[in-house]
Amino acid sequence: MKRAKLLWVDLEMTGLEPEKDSILEVAAIATDMQLNEIARYEAVIKVPEKLMKERMVGDFWEKNAESRDALIAQNENGQPVAKVEEELLKFLDEHFGREVYLAGNSIHQDRKFIEREMPELNKRLHYRMLDVSAWKIYFEHALNKKFTKPENHRALDDIEGSIGELKWYLTFLK
């Protein structure tokens, strides 16, 4: 029985512009609707060194130099994006039924990269998404409650943080 409904995804990219930047790292955690983990997936996507040197500059990357350096260092062992997409499709086949809801923080941005670089995966995703940042906006501005999650800017750590954040918001509903 395929129990997963939520595909928690986080991508690390060379930048935030899908037309200019590329995915460097992808992580996914499959959960049911109660946020119980069913499976996880991680991969490094190999991108041209020239692209990393051109795009991974500026204030954000200077403030996150440790993450930047780790992403650059692992690039050598990366796979082509088509291979990663193929593995993700197998991950969906193994753990999901018909409906696959994309979940994460500001997931719409990751979805833009998925649409561009992994079109077959994009076709498998439901048009509805679970965006934790919507909860963040409401709780911070309407209820004056703030969740602080670590900002490691590494894909798997960020997903675990997003799931933890949603679990925290849900405690207020009990």
Protein backbone atom coordinates (compact mmCIF):
# COMPACT_ATOMS: atom_id res chain seq x y z
CA MET A 1 0.00 0.00 0.00
CA LYS A 2 1.45 3.35 -1.06
CA ARG A 3 0.87 5.68 1.87
CA ALA A 4 2.80 8.81 0.96
CA LYS A 5 0.85 11.95 0.03
CA LEU A 6 3.33 14.77 0.63
CA LEU A 7 6.58 15.06 -1.30
CA TRP A 8 8.70 17.42 0.75
CA VAL A 9 11.34 18.85 -1.56
CA ASP A 10 14.15 21.30 -1.12
CA LEU A 11 16.56 22.33 -3.83
CA GLU A 12 19.82 24.15 -3.51
CA MET A 13 20.52 26.16 -6.64
CA THR A 14 23.27 28.41 -7.95
CA GLY A 15 20.81 31.28 -7.49
CA LEU A 16 17.10 32.05 -7.62
CA GLU A 17 16.58 32.77 -11.32
CA PRO A 18 15.37 29.62 -13.13
CA GLU A 19 16.37 31.08 -16.53
CA LYS A 20 19.99 31.61 -15.41
CA ASP A 21 20.58 29.25 -12.49
CA SER A 22 20.64 25.48 -12.04
CA ILE A 23 19.84 22.94 -9.37
CA LEU A 24 22.90 21.75 -7.43
CA GLU A 25 21.36 19.52 -4.80
CA VAL A 26 17.95 17.91 -4.30
CA ALA A 27 16.46 16.21 -1.29
CA ALA A 28 13.02 14.72 -0.81
CA ILE A 29 11.15 13.22 2.10
CA ALA A 30 7.90 11.34 1.50
CA THR A 31 5.38 11.62 4.32
CA ASP A 32 1.77 10.77 4.93
CA MET A 33 -0.68 13.52 5.86
CA GLN A 34 0.19 13.08 9.54
CA LEU A 35 3.79 14.02 8.59
CA ASN A 36 5.16 10.56 9.36
CA GLU A 37 8.25 9.91 7.28
CA ILE A 38 8.00 7.05 4.82
CA ALA A 39 11.18 7.44 2.76
CA ARG A 40 13.87 9.92 1.81
CA TYR A 41 16.01 10.70 -1.22
CA GLU A 42 19.10 12.85 -1.81
CA ALA A 43 21.19 13.62 -4.89
CA VAL A 44 23.83 15.98 -6.16
CA ILE A 45 23.43 17.35 -9.67
CA LYS A 46 26.58 18.13 -11.59
CA VAL A 47 26.63 21.61 -13.08
CA PRO A 48 29.38 23.39 -15.04
CA GLU A 49 32.03 24.93 -12.80
CA LYS A 50 31.80 28.11 -14.83
CA LEU A 51 28.13 28.50 -13.86
CA MET A 52 28.93 28.11 -10.17
CA LYS A 53 31.71 30.71 -10.37
CA GLU A 54 29.47 33.17 -12.23
CA ARG A 55 26.28 32.73 -10.19
CA MET A 56 27.36 31.80 -6.65
CA VAL A 57 28.54 35.31 -5.76
CA GLY A 58 27.15 38.20 -3.77
CA ASP A 59 25.95 38.86 -0.24
CA PHE A 60 23.89 35.69 0.18
CA TRP A 61 26.76 33.42 -0.80
CA GLU A 62 29.27 35.40 1.26
CA LYS A 63 27.04 35.05 4.35
CA ASN A 64 26.64 31.32 3.61
CA ALA A 65 30.21 30.58 2.53
CA GLU A 66 30.33 27.24 4.36
CA SER A 67 27.26 25.94 2.48
CA ARG A 68 28.54 27.38 -0.81
CA ASP A 69 31.92 25.70 -0.40
CA ALA A 70 30.32 22.35 0.45
CA LEU A 71 28.02 22.56 -2.59
CA ILE A 72 30.96 23.38 -4.85
CA ALA A 73 33.08 20.58 -3.37
CA GLN A 74 30.43 17.90 -3.93
CA ASN A 75 29.77 18.96 -7.54
CA GLU A 76 32.52 16.65 -8.81
CA ASN A 77 30.46 13.64 -7.67
CA GLY A 78 27.19 14.92 -9.10
CA GLN A 79 24.93 13.18 -11.61
CA PRO A 80 23.20 14.56 -14.69
CA VAL A 81 19.84 16.15 -13.92
CA ALA A 82 18.07 13.61 -16.19
CA LYS A 83 19.39 10.74 -14.05
CA VAL A 84 18.23 12.44 -10.84
CA GLU A 85 14.80 13.05 -12.37
CA GLU A 86 14.59 9.37 -13.33
CA GLU A 87 15.45 8.34 -9.76
CA LEU A 88 12.84 10.73 -8.35
CA LEU A 89 10.19 9.28 -10.66
CA LYS A 90 11.06 5.79 -9.36
CA PHE A 91 10.84 7.18 -5.81
CA LEU A 92 7.30 8.38 -6.59
CA ASP A 93 6.35 5.05 -8.16
CA GLU A 94 7.54 3.23 -5.05
CA HIS A 95 5.95 5.41 -2.38
CA PHE A 96 3.03 7.36 -3.84
CA GLY A 97 -0.32 6.63 -5.37
CA ARG A 98 -1.94 8.95 -7.89
CA GLU A 99 -1.78 12.16 -5.88
CA VAL A 100 1.60 13.71 -5.12
CA TYR A 101 1.44 17.03 -3.30
CA LEU A 102 4.64 19.06 -3.29
CA ALA A 103 5.44 20.47 0.16
CA GLY A 104 8.07 22.75 1.64
CA ASN A 105 8.95 26.33 2.47
CA SER A 106 8.42 28.79 -0.41
CA ILE A 107 7.95 25.68 -2.53
CA HIS A 108 6.71 27.72 -5.47
CA GLN A 109 10.32 28.78 -6.11
CA ASP A 110 11.56 25.19 -6.15
CA ARG A 111 8.64 24.30 -8.42
CA LYS A 112 9.88 26.80 -11.03
CA PHE A 113 13.18 24.92 -11.20
CA ILE A 114 11.42 21.56 -11.30
CA GLU A 115 9.25 22.77 -14.20
CA ARG A 116 12.33 23.85 -16.13
CA GLU A 117 14.82 21.10 -15.33
CA MET A 118 12.64 18.09 -14.50
CA PRO A 119 9.52 18.33 -16.70
CA GLU A 120 8.46 14.67 -16.28
CA LEU A 121 8.59 15.00 -12.51
CA ASN A 122 6.60 18.21 -12.76
CA LYS A 123 3.87 16.39 -14.70
CA ARG A 124 3.48 13.92 -11.82
CA LEU A 125 2.96 16.62 -9.20
CA HIS A 126 -0.50 17.81 -8.24
CA TYR A 127 -1.22 21.46 -8.99
CA ARG A 128 -1.92 22.05 -5.28
CA MET A 129 1.06 22.50 -2.99
CA LEU A 130 1.54 22.67 0.77
CA ASP A 131 3.62 25.78 1.42
CA VAL A 132 4.77 26.16 5.02
CA SER A 133 5.63 29.80 4.40
CA ALA A 134 1.89 30.60 4.28
CA TRP A 135 1.63 29.36 7.87
CA LYS A 136 4.73 31.38 8.76
CA ILE A 137 3.16 34.61 7.46
CA TYR A 138 -0.05 34.08 9.40
CA PHE A 139 1.56 33.05 12.68
CA GLU A 140 4.14 35.85 12.65
CA HIS A 141 1.81 38.67 11.60
CA ALA A 142 -1.57 37.68 13.05
CA LEU A 143 -0.55 35.75 16.17
CA ASN A 144 2.90 37.24 16.88
CA LYS A 145 4.38 33.74 17.14
CA LYS A 146 7.64 32.94 15.42
CA PHE A 147 9.27 29.60 14.68
CA THR A 148 13.03 29.77 14.26
CA LYS A 149 14.51 27.02 12.19
CA PRO A 150 18.17 26.58 11.34
CA GLU A 151 19.13 28.00 7.97
CA ASN A 152 21.84 25.60 6.85
CA HIS A 153 21.03 25.98 3.16
CA ARG A 154 21.52 22.29 2.59
CA ALA A 155 18.59 20.47 1.03
CA LEU A 156 17.94 17.67 3.53
CA ASP A 157 18.46 19.86 6.60
CA ASP A 158 16.06 22.45 5.18
CA ILE A 159 13.32 19.85 4.57
CA GLU A 160 13.65 18.46 8.09
CA GLY A 161 13.37 22.02 9.36
CA SER A 162 10.24 22.67 7.29
CA ILE A 163 8.52 19.52 8.54
CA GLY A 164 9.42 20.46 12.11
CA GLU A 165 8.09 23.95 11.53
CA LEU A 166 4.72 22.70 10.26
CA LYS A 167 4.48 20.29 13.20
CA TRP A 168 5.04 23.25 15.53
CA TYR A 169 2.25 25.28 13.87
CA LEU A 170 -0.08 22.31 14.08
CA THR A 171 0.36 22.12 17.90
CA PHE A 172 -1.73 25.30 18.10
CA LEU A 173 -4.68 23.48 16.55
CA LYS A 174 -4.97 20.91 19.33
